[in-house]
Amino acid sequence: MRLILLGPPGAGKGTQAKILVEAYGIPQLSTGDILRSAIAAKTPLGLEAKAIVDRGDLVSDAIVNGIVSERLDAEDCKPGFILDGFPRTIAQAEALDLMLVEKGVKLDAVIEIKADADVLVERVINRAKESGGARADDNEEVLRKRLNVYQEQTAPLVAYYTDEGLLRAVDGMEPVEQVTAAIKAAIEG
């Protein structure tokens, strides 16, 4: 099972990815985690990424793509994987398509977890109140900025993967168990 999870910040991608990891026995590949692992392992791309991060710059698509490609070659990814946070742009999606062709594998589905932006903001505000504002990103201004970036950069992937016949949308506003059931139905149906 080879999946991509798409959805705005706070839609529940991380929660669903953990459930799917358990259900299908495949790893969740978060680009942030992959990047940190490559840096820690001191791989050539990891060292290059570290120098960029240490300067405070954003890691280029070429490096992110290379690190993702290396991770997809790992033994635990042979039966499948769940990509979370990658691709973020059409350019990254096109690079992923080429990567997968070179590796002789195909995506099974791209799951879009749809969520209403105003409800997501309300969730974050409530979470901040309940937790005493423990998380730095638990405020409306930061979340709205992240939602805008998602709309500009990542939302175009919905059309891209619809055109490829891979997109399956689920309602992320439902309770966790119902979202999980909808995702399983979308990928197994």
Foldseek 3Di string as FASTA:
>chain_A
DAEEEAEFPQLCPVVLQVVVCVVPVAEEDELVVLLVVCLVVVDVLNVVCVVQVVVVHDDDLVSSLVSVLVVCPDPRCVVYYYYYNPPQAPVRVVSVVVSCVVVVHDHLAYEYAYDDLVVSLVVLQVVCVVVVNPDPCSHNVNSVVRRVSSVVGRVVVQVVVVVVVHYDYDHSVDPPVVRSVSVCVVRVD
